[in-house]
Amino acid sequence: MDISVNQSTIFWPVLALMGWTFLILLLIPYQRFKGAFAGQVTAQDFHCGESDNVPSSIKLPNRIFMNLLEMPVLFYVLSLILFITHNVDSLFINLAWAYFAFRVLHSLVYLTYNHVVHRFLSFAISNLIVVAIWARLIFIFSR
């Protein structure tokens, strides 16, 4: 265990992912207003969420935002556990930054050319990173 690492360093990738999530959140009203001004949607199309009348380009930021609120919760909890238990080391920090990078990559693929295989790979790799953090933490705790 690399005890020379500042334990709070684990929060930099956490804060970066939170910042990315907020940026994606800003895309939701931007796309909705843009669609409204173009006559693609009305306020009624969002009465109980998004109706079937909402074009996918307008739905997309909301879907990406929901993705950023699902699995990342486990990453946030793991990061907090690492900090509280003083188990943050350089490998955990590198894994955390890799997780952040693959979550951003997943969002960018989704937002741009949306190739399903590329999107799936970035999503799957990010999830495997969370599993690796979790498994390594369990190994440390079991010693």
N, C-alpha and C. Protein backbone atom coordinates (compact mmCIF):
# COMPACT_ATOMS: atom_id res chain seq x y z
N MET A 1 0.85 -1.18 0.00
CA MET A 1 0.00 0.00 0.00
C MET A 1 0.89 1.24 0.00
N ASP A 2 0.60 2.15 -0.90
CA ASP A 2 1.37 3.39 -1.05
C ASP A 2 0.81 4.43 -0.07
N ILE A 3 1.38 4.49 1.13
CA ILE A 3 0.83 5.37 2.16
C ILE A 3 1.23 6.83 1.97
N SER A 4 2.12 7.08 0.99
CA SER A 4 2.54 8.47 0.77
C SER A 4 1.50 9.27 -0.02
N VAL A 5 0.50 8.59 -0.54
CA VAL A 5 -0.55 9.25 -1.32
C VAL A 5 -1.50 9.99 -0.37
N ASN A 6 -1.77 11.23 -0.72
CA ASN A 6 -2.75 12.00 0.03
C ASN A 6 -4.12 11.36 -0.18
N GLN A 7 -4.76 10.95 0.89
CA GLN A 7 -6.03 10.22 0.80
C GLN A 7 -7.12 11.01 0.07
N SER A 8 -7.11 12.31 0.21
CA SER A 8 -8.16 13.11 -0.44
C SER A 8 -7.97 13.20 -1.96
N THR A 9 -6.86 12.71 -2.48
CA THR A 9 -6.63 12.71 -3.93
C THR A 9 -7.68 11.89 -4.66
N ILE A 10 -8.28 10.94 -3.99
CA ILE A 10 -9.31 10.10 -4.61
C ILE A 10 -10.52 10.94 -5.04
N PHE A 11 -10.67 12.11 -4.43
CA PHE A 11 -11.84 12.93 -4.74
C PHE A 11 -11.69 13.75 -6.03
N TRP A 12 -10.48 13.86 -6.58
CA TRP A 12 -10.32 14.61 -7.83
C TRP A 12 -11.07 13.93 -8.98
N PRO A 13 -10.89 12.62 -9.21
CA PRO A 13 -11.70 12.01 -10.27
C PRO A 13 -13.20 12.00 -9.94
N VAL A 14 -13.52 11.92 -8.66
CA VAL A 14 -14.93 11.99 -8.24
C VAL A 14 -15.50 13.36 -8.63
N LEU A 15 -14.79 14.41 -8.28
CA LEU A 15 -15.26 15.77 -8.61
C LEU A 15 -15.30 15.99 -10.11
N ALA A 16 -14.34 15.42 -10.82
CA ALA A 16 -14.34 15.54 -12.29
C ALA A 16 -15.58 14.89 -12.89
N LEU A 17 -15.93 13.69 -12.39
CA LEU A 17 -17.11 13.01 -12.90
C LEU A 17 -18.39 13.76 -12.53
N MET A 18 -18.41 14.33 -11.34
CA MET A 18 -19.56 15.15 -10.95
C MET A 18 -19.67 16.37 -11.87
N GLY A 19 -18.56 17.00 -12.17
CA GLY A 19 -18.56 18.14 -13.08
C GLY A 19 -19.05 17.76 -14.46
N TRP A 20 -18.59 16.60 -14.95
CA TRP A 20 -19.05 16.12 -16.26
C TRP A 20 -20.56 15.88 -16.24
N THR A 21 -21.04 15.30 -15.15
CA THR A 21 -22.48 15.04 -15.01
C THR A 21 -23.27 16.33 -15.06
N PHE A 22 -22.77 17.37 -14.40
CA PHE A 22 -23.47 18.67 -14.44
C PHE A 22 -23.43 19.28 -15.84
N LEU A 23 -22.33 19.10 -16.57
CA LEU A 23 -22.28 19.60 -17.95
C LEU A 23 -23.32 18.91 -18.82
N ILE A 24 -23.44 17.60 -18.66
CA ILE A 24 -24.46 16.86 -19.42
C ILE A 24 -25.86 17.34 -19.02
N LEU A 25 -26.04 17.60 -17.73
CA LEU A 25 -27.33 18.11 -17.25
C LEU A 25 -27.70 19.40 -17.97
N LEU A 26 -26.73 20.26 -18.22
CA LEU A 26 -27.00 21.52 -18.91
C LEU A 26 -27.45 21.30 -20.36
N LEU A 27 -27.07 20.17 -20.94
CA LEU A 27 -27.50 19.88 -22.31
C LEU A 27 -28.99 19.59 -22.41
N ILE A 28 -29.58 19.13 -21.32
CA ILE A 28 -31.00 18.76 -21.36
C ILE A 28 -31.87 19.97 -21.69
N PRO A 29 -31.82 21.05 -20.89
CA PRO A 29 -32.66 22.20 -21.26
C PRO A 29 -32.22 22.85 -22.58
N TYR A 30 -30.93 22.81 -22.86
CA TYR A 30 -30.45 23.39 -24.12
C TYR A 30 -31.12 22.69 -25.31
N GLN A 31 -31.08 21.35 -25.33
CA GLN A 31 -31.70 20.60 -26.43
C GLN A 31 -33.22 20.77 -26.46
N ARG A 32 -33.83 20.83 -25.28
CA ARG A 32 -35.28 20.98 -25.24
C ARG A 32 -35.72 22.35 -25.75
N PHE A 33 -35.03 23.40 -25.32
CA PHE A 33 -35.39 24.74 -25.81
C PHE A 33 -35.09 24.88 -27.30
N LYS A 34 -33.97 24.31 -27.71
CA LYS A 34 -33.62 24.34 -29.13
C LYS A 34 -34.71 23.63 -29.94
N GLY A 35 -35.16 22.48 -29.45
CA GLY A 35 -36.23 21.74 -30.13
C GLY A 35 -37.55 22.50 -30.11
N ALA A 36 -37.83 23.19 -29.02
CA ALA A 36 -39.07 23.96 -28.91
C ALA A 36 -39.05 25.14 -29.89
N PHE A 37 -37.92 25.85 -29.94
CA PHE A 37 -37.82 26.99 -30.85
C PHE A 37 -37.86 26.55 -32.31
N ALA A 38 -37.44 25.31 -32.58
CA ALA A 38 -37.49 24.78 -33.95
C ALA A 38 -38.84 24.16 -34.27
N GLY A 39 -39.75 24.15 -33.28
CA GLY A 39 -41.07 23.58 -33.49
C GLY A 39 -41.11 22.06 -33.47
N GLN A 40 -40.07 21.43 -32.96
CA GLN A 40 -40.03 19.97 -32.90
C GLN A 40 -40.79 19.41 -31.70
N VAL A 41 -40.89 20.19 -30.62
CA VAL A 41 -41.56 19.74 -29.40
C VAL A 41 -42.33 20.91 -28.79
N THR A 42 -43.28 20.53 -27.94
CA THR A 42 -44.01 21.53 -27.15
C THR A 42 -43.86 21.15 -25.69
N ALA A 43 -44.29 22.03 -24.81
CA ALA A 43 -44.22 21.74 -23.37
C ALA A 43 -45.03 20.49 -23.04
N GLN A 44 -46.12 20.26 -23.75
CA GLN A 44 -46.97 19.09 -23.51
C GLN A 44 -46.21 17.78 -23.74
N ASP A 45 -45.20 17.80 -24.61
CA ASP A 45 -44.41 16.60 -24.89
C ASP A 45 -43.60 16.14 -23.67
N PHE A 46 -43.50 17.00 -22.66
CA PHE A 46 -42.73 16.69 -21.46
C PHE A 46 -43.61 16.65 -20.21
N HIS A 47 -44.91 16.58 -20.40
CA HIS A 47 -45.86 16.63 -19.28
C HIS A 47 -45.57 15.55 -18.23
N CYS A 48 -45.39 14.33 -18.64
CA CYS A 48 -45.08 13.21 -17.73
C CYS A 48 -43.79 12.55 -18.19
N GLY A 49 -42.72 13.30 -18.21
CA GLY A 49 -41.47 12.79 -18.76
C GLY A 49 -41.40 13.15 -20.23
N GLU A 50 -40.80 12.29 -21.01
CA GLU A 50 -40.68 12.54 -22.43
C GLU A 50 -41.66 11.64 -23.19
N SER A 51 -42.50 12.26 -24.00
CA SER A 51 -43.46 11.47 -24.77
C SER A 51 -42.77 10.87 -25.99
N ASP A 52 -43.51 10.03 -26.69
CA ASP A 52 -42.99 9.42 -27.92
C ASP A 52 -42.78 10.46 -29.03
N ASN A 53 -43.36 11.65 -28.86
CA ASN A 53 -43.21 12.70 -29.88
C ASN A 53 -41.85 13.39 -29.83
N VAL A 54 -41.10 13.17 -28.76
CA VAL A 54 -39.81 13.85 -28.59
C VAL A 54 -38.77 13.14 -29.44
N PRO A 55 -38.11 13.88 -30.35
CA PRO A 55 -37.07 13.27 -31.19
C PRO A 55 -35.90 12.77 -30.35
N SER A 56 -35.23 11.75 -30.84
CA SER A 56 -34.12 11.14 -30.09
C SER A 56 -33.00 12.13 -29.81
N SER A 57 -32.77 13.09 -30.70
CA SER A 57 -31.71 14.07 -30.47
C SER A 57 -32.00 14.92 -29.23
N ILE A 58 -33.27 15.07 -28.92
CA ILE A 58 -33.65 15.85 -27.73
C ILE A 58 -33.67 14.95 -26.50
N LYS A 59 -34.00 13.68 -26.68
CA LYS A 59 -34.02 12.73 -25.56
C LYS A 59 -32.61 12.34 -25.11
N LEU A 60 -31.67 12.38 -26.02
CA LEU A 60 -30.33 11.84 -25.78
C LEU A 60 -29.63 12.40 -24.54
N PRO A 61 -29.54 13.72 -24.35
CA PRO A 61 -28.85 14.21 -23.15
C PRO A 61 -29.47 13.70 -21.85
N ASN A 62 -30.79 13.56 -21.83
CA ASN A 62 -31.45 13.05 -20.63
C ASN A 62 -31.06 11.60 -20.37
N ARG A 63 -30.97 10.80 -21.43
CA ARG A 63 -30.57 9.39 -21.29
C ARG A 63 -29.12 9.29 -20.79
N ILE A 64 -28.25 10.12 -21.32
CA ILE A 64 -26.85 10.12 -20.89
C ILE A 64 -26.76 10.55 -19.44
N PHE A 65 -27.54 11.56 -19.07
CA PHE A 65 -27.56 12.02 -17.68
C PHE A 65 -28.00 10.89 -16.75
N MET A 66 -29.04 10.16 -17.14
CA MET A 66 -29.50 9.04 -16.31
C MET A 66 -28.39 7.99 -16.18
N ASN A 67 -27.65 7.72 -17.27
CA ASN A 67 -26.52 6.79 -17.20
C ASN A 67 -25.48 7.25 -16.20
N LEU A 68 -25.29 8.55 -16.13
CA LEU A 68 -24.28 9.11 -15.20
C LEU A 68 -24.76 9.13 -13.75
N LEU A 69 -26.01 8.78 -13.53
CA LEU A 69 -26.53 8.70 -12.17
C LEU A 69 -26.74 7.26 -11.71
N GLU A 70 -26.46 6.30 -12.57
CA GLU A 70 -26.70 4.91 -12.23
C GLU A 70 -25.43 4.26 -11.67
N MET A 71 -24.61 3.68 -12.50
CA MET A 71 -23.39 2.99 -12.03
C MET A 71 -22.40 3.89 -11.29
N PRO A 72 -22.26 5.14 -11.68
CA PRO A 72 -21.31 5.98 -10.94
C PRO A 72 -21.59 6.09 -9.44
N VAL A 73 -22.82 5.84 -9.02
CA VAL A 73 -23.11 5.87 -7.59
C VAL A 73 -22.21 4.87 -6.86
N LEU A 74 -22.00 3.70 -7.45
CA LEU A 74 -21.10 2.70 -6.83
C LEU A 74 -19.68 3.23 -6.77
N PHE A 75 -19.25 3.92 -7.82
CA PHE A 75 -17.92 4.53 -7.84
C PHE A 75 -17.79 5.57 -6.72
N TYR A 76 -18.81 6.39 -6.55
CA TYR A 76 -18.78 7.40 -5.50
C TYR A 76 -18.69 6.75 -4.11
N VAL A 77 -19.47 5.71 -3.91
CA VAL A 77 -19.46 5.02 -2.61
C VAL A 77 -18.10 4.37 -2.38
N LEU A 78 -17.57 3.69 -3.39
CA LEU A 78 -16.26 3.06 -3.25
C LEU A 78 -15.18 4.09 -2.93
N SER A 79 -15.23 5.23 -3.58
CA SER A 79 -14.25 6.28 -3.32
C SER A 79 -14.34 6.77 -1.88
N LEU A 80 -15.54 6.93 -1.40
CA LEU A 80 -15.74 7.35 -0.01
C LEU A 80 -15.22 6.28 0.96
N ILE A 81 -15.50 5.02 0.68
CA ILE A 81 -15.00 3.94 1.53
C ILE A 81 -13.48 3.93 1.53
N LEU A 82 -12.87 4.09 0.37
CA LEU A 82 -11.41 4.13 0.29
C LEU A 82 -10.85 5.25 1.15
N PHE A 83 -11.47 6.41 1.07
CA PHE A 83 -11.01 7.56 1.84
C PHE A 83 -11.17 7.32 3.34
N ILE A 84 -12.35 6.89 3.75
CA ILE A 84 -12.64 6.69 5.18
C ILE A 84 -11.73 5.64 5.80
N THR A 85 -11.44 4.59 5.02
CA THR A 85 -10.62 3.50 5.56
C THR A 85 -9.12 3.70 5.33
N HIS A 86 -8.75 4.83 4.76
CA HIS A 86 -7.34 5.16 4.49
C HIS A 86 -6.67 4.12 3.61
N ASN A 87 -7.38 3.67 2.59
CA ASN A 87 -6.83 2.69 1.65
C ASN A 87 -6.54 3.27 0.28
N VAL A 88 -6.61 4.58 0.14
CA VAL A 88 -6.32 5.21 -1.14
C VAL A 88 -4.83 5.03 -1.44
N ASP A 89 -4.54 4.50 -2.61
CA ASP A 89 -3.15 4.41 -3.07
C ASP A 89 -3.12 4.79 -4.55
N SER A 90 -1.94 4.79 -5.13
CA SER A 90 -1.81 5.25 -6.51
C SER A 90 -2.57 4.36 -7.48
N LEU A 91 -2.66 3.07 -7.23
CA LEU A 91 -3.43 2.19 -8.12
C LEU A 91 -4.91 2.54 -8.08
N PHE A 92 -5.45 2.76 -6.91
CA PHE A 92 -6.86 3.15 -6.81
C PHE A 92 -7.09 4.49 -7.50
N ILE A 93 -6.17 5.42 -7.35
CA ILE A 93 -6.33 6.73 -8.01
C ILE A 93 -6.29 6.57 -9.52
N ASN A 94 -5.36 5.75 -10.02
CA ASN A 94 -5.29 5.52 -11.47
C ASN A 94 -6.56 4.83 -11.98
N LEU A 95 -7.08 3.88 -11.23
CA LEU A 95 -8.33 3.23 -11.61
C LEU A 95 -9.49 4.23 -11.62
N ALA A 96 -9.49 5.12 -10.65
CA ALA A 96 -10.55 6.13 -10.57
C ALA A 96 -10.50 7.07 -11.78
N TRP A 97 -9.29 7.50 -12.16
CA TRP A 97 -9.17 8.36 -13.33
C TRP A 97 -9.54 7.60 -14.61
N ALA A 98 -9.19 6.32 -14.68
CA ALA A 98 -9.58 5.52 -15.84
C ALA A 98 -11.10 5.40 -15.91
N TYR A 99 -11.73 5.21 -14.75
CA TYR A 99 -13.19 5.13 -14.71
C TYR A 99 -13.79 6.44 -15.25
N PHE A 100 -13.29 7.55 -14.76
CA PHE A 100 -13.76 8.85 -15.24
C PHE A 100 -13.59 8.96 -16.76
N ALA A 101 -12.43 8.58 -17.27
CA ALA A 101 -12.15 8.69 -18.70
C ALA A 101 -13.12 7.85 -19.53
N PHE A 102 -13.38 6.63 -19.09
CA PHE A 102 -14.29 5.78 -19.85
C PHE A 102 -15.74 6.22 -19.74
N ARG A 103 -16.12 6.85 -18.62
CA ARG A 103 -17.48 7.41 -18.53
C ARG A 103 -17.63 8.59 -19.47
N VAL A 104 -16.61 9.43 -19.55
CA VAL A 104 -16.66 10.56 -20.48
C VAL A 104 -16.67 10.05 -21.92
N LEU A 105 -15.82 9.06 -22.20
CA LEU A 105 -15.80 8.48 -23.55
C LEU A 105 -17.17 7.91 -23.92
N HIS A 106 -17.79 7.20 -22.99
CA HIS A 106 -19.13 6.66 -23.24
C HIS A 106 -20.11 7.78 -23.59
N SER A 107 -20.09 8.85 -22.83
CA SER A 107 -20.98 9.99 -23.09
C SER A 107 -20.70 10.61 -24.46
N LEU A 108 -19.42 10.78 -24.77
CA LEU A 108 -19.06 11.41 -26.04
C LEU A 108 -19.44 10.56 -27.24
N VAL A 109 -19.26 9.25 -27.13
CA VAL A 109 -19.69 8.36 -28.22
C VAL A 109 -21.20 8.49 -28.39
N TYR A 110 -21.91 8.47 -27.27
CA TYR A 110 -23.37 8.58 -27.29
C TYR A 110 -23.80 9.90 -27.94
N LEU A 111 -23.14 10.98 -27.58
CA LEU A 111 -23.52 12.31 -28.07
C LEU A 111 -23.15 12.56 -29.52
N THR A 112 -22.13 11.88 -30.01
CA THR A 112 -21.65 12.19 -31.36
C THR A 112 -22.11 11.15 -32.37
N TYR A 113 -21.30 10.17 -32.66
CA TYR A 113 -21.63 9.24 -33.74
C TYR A 113 -22.42 8.02 -33.27
N ASN A 114 -22.51 7.79 -31.97
CA ASN A 114 -23.37 6.79 -31.34
C ASN A 114 -23.23 5.39 -31.94
N HIS A 115 -22.02 4.95 -32.14
CA HIS A 115 -21.77 3.58 -32.60
C HIS A 115 -22.00 2.65 -31.41
N VAL A 116 -22.96 1.74 -31.55
CA VAL A 116 -23.40 0.92 -30.42
C VAL A 116 -22.27 0.08 -29.84
N VAL A 117 -21.44 -0.49 -30.68
CA VAL A 117 -20.34 -1.33 -30.17
C VAL A 117 -19.34 -0.48 -29.39
N HIS A 118 -18.98 0.69 -29.92
CA HIS A 118 -18.04 1.57 -29.22
C HIS A 118 -18.64 2.04 -27.90
N ARG A 119 -19.91 2.37 -27.94
CA ARG A 119 -20.60 2.82 -26.73
C ARG A 119 -20.63 1.70 -25.70
N PHE A 120 -20.95 0.48 -26.13
CA PHE A 120 -20.99 -0.66 -25.23
C PHE A 120 -19.61 -0.94 -24.64
N LEU A 121 -18.57 -0.90 -25.46
CA LEU A 121 -17.22 -1.18 -24.96
C LEU A 121 -16.80 -0.19 -23.89
N SER A 122 -17.03 1.09 -24.13
CA SER A 122 -16.65 2.09 -23.13
C SER A 122 -17.46 1.92 -21.85
N PHE A 123 -18.73 1.58 -21.99
CA PHE A 123 -19.59 1.34 -20.84
C PHE A 123 -19.12 0.10 -20.08
N ALA A 124 -18.86 -0.98 -20.81
CA ALA A 124 -18.44 -2.24 -20.18
C ALA A 124 -17.09 -2.08 -19.48
N ILE A 125 -16.15 -1.42 -20.12
CA ILE A 125 -14.83 -1.23 -19.51
C ILE A 125 -14.96 -0.39 -18.24
N SER A 126 -15.79 0.65 -18.28
CA SER A 126 -15.96 1.47 -17.07
C SER A 126 -16.54 0.63 -15.94
N ASN A 127 -17.48 -0.24 -16.26
CA ASN A 127 -18.07 -1.10 -15.23
C ASN A 127 -17.06 -2.12 -14.70
N LEU A 128 -16.22 -2.64 -15.58
CA LEU A 128 -15.17 -3.57 -15.14
C LEU A 128 -14.18 -2.87 -14.20
N ILE A 129 -13.94 -1.60 -14.44
CA ILE A 129 -13.05 -0.85 -13.56
C ILE A 129 -13.66 -0.74 -12.17
N VAL A 130 -14.95 -0.47 -12.09
CA VAL A 130 -15.62 -0.41 -10.78
C VAL A 130 -15.54 -1.78 -10.10
N VAL A 131 -15.74 -2.83 -10.85
CA VAL A 131 -15.63 -4.18 -10.29
C VAL A 131 -14.22 -4.42 -9.78
N ALA A 132 -13.21 -3.97 -10.52
CA ALA A 132 -11.81 -4.14 -10.10
C ALA A 132 -11.54 -3.38 -8.81
N ILE A 133 -12.05 -2.16 -8.70
CA ILE A 133 -11.87 -1.38 -7.47
C ILE A 133 -12.53 -2.12 -6.30
N TRP A 134 -13.74 -2.57 -6.52
CA TRP A 134 -14.50 -3.29 -5.49
C TRP A 134 -13.76 -4.56 -5.08
N ALA A 135 -13.31 -5.36 -6.07
CA ALA A 135 -12.63 -6.63 -5.77
C ALA A 135 -11.32 -6.38 -5.02
N ARG A 136 -10.57 -5.39 -5.44
CA ARG A 136 -9.31 -5.09 -4.75
C ARG A 136 -9.58 -4.62 -3.32
N LEU A 137 -10.61 -3.84 -3.12
CA LEU A 137 -10.94 -3.38 -1.78
C LEU A 137 -11.35 -4.56 -0.90
N ILE A 138 -12.13 -5.46 -1.43
CA ILE A 138 -12.51 -6.67 -0.67
C ILE A 138 -11.25 -7.48 -0.32
N PHE A 139 -10.33 -7.60 -1.26
CA PHE A 139 -9.08 -8.32 -0.99
C PHE A 139 -8.31 -7.66 0.14
N ILE A 140 -8.23 -6.35 0.13
CA ILE A 140 -7.52 -5.61 1.19
C ILE A 140 -8.21 -5.84 2.53
N PHE A 141 -9.53 -5.76 2.53
CA PHE A 141 -10.27 -5.96 3.78
C PHE A 141 -10.16 -7.38 4.32
N SER A 142 -9.98 -8.34 3.43
CA SER A 142 -9.95 -9.75 3.88
C SER A 142 -8.58 -10.17 4.39
N ARG A 143 -7.58 -9.32 4.27
CA ARG A 143 -6.24 -9.71 4.74
C ARG A 143 -6.16 -9.61 6.23
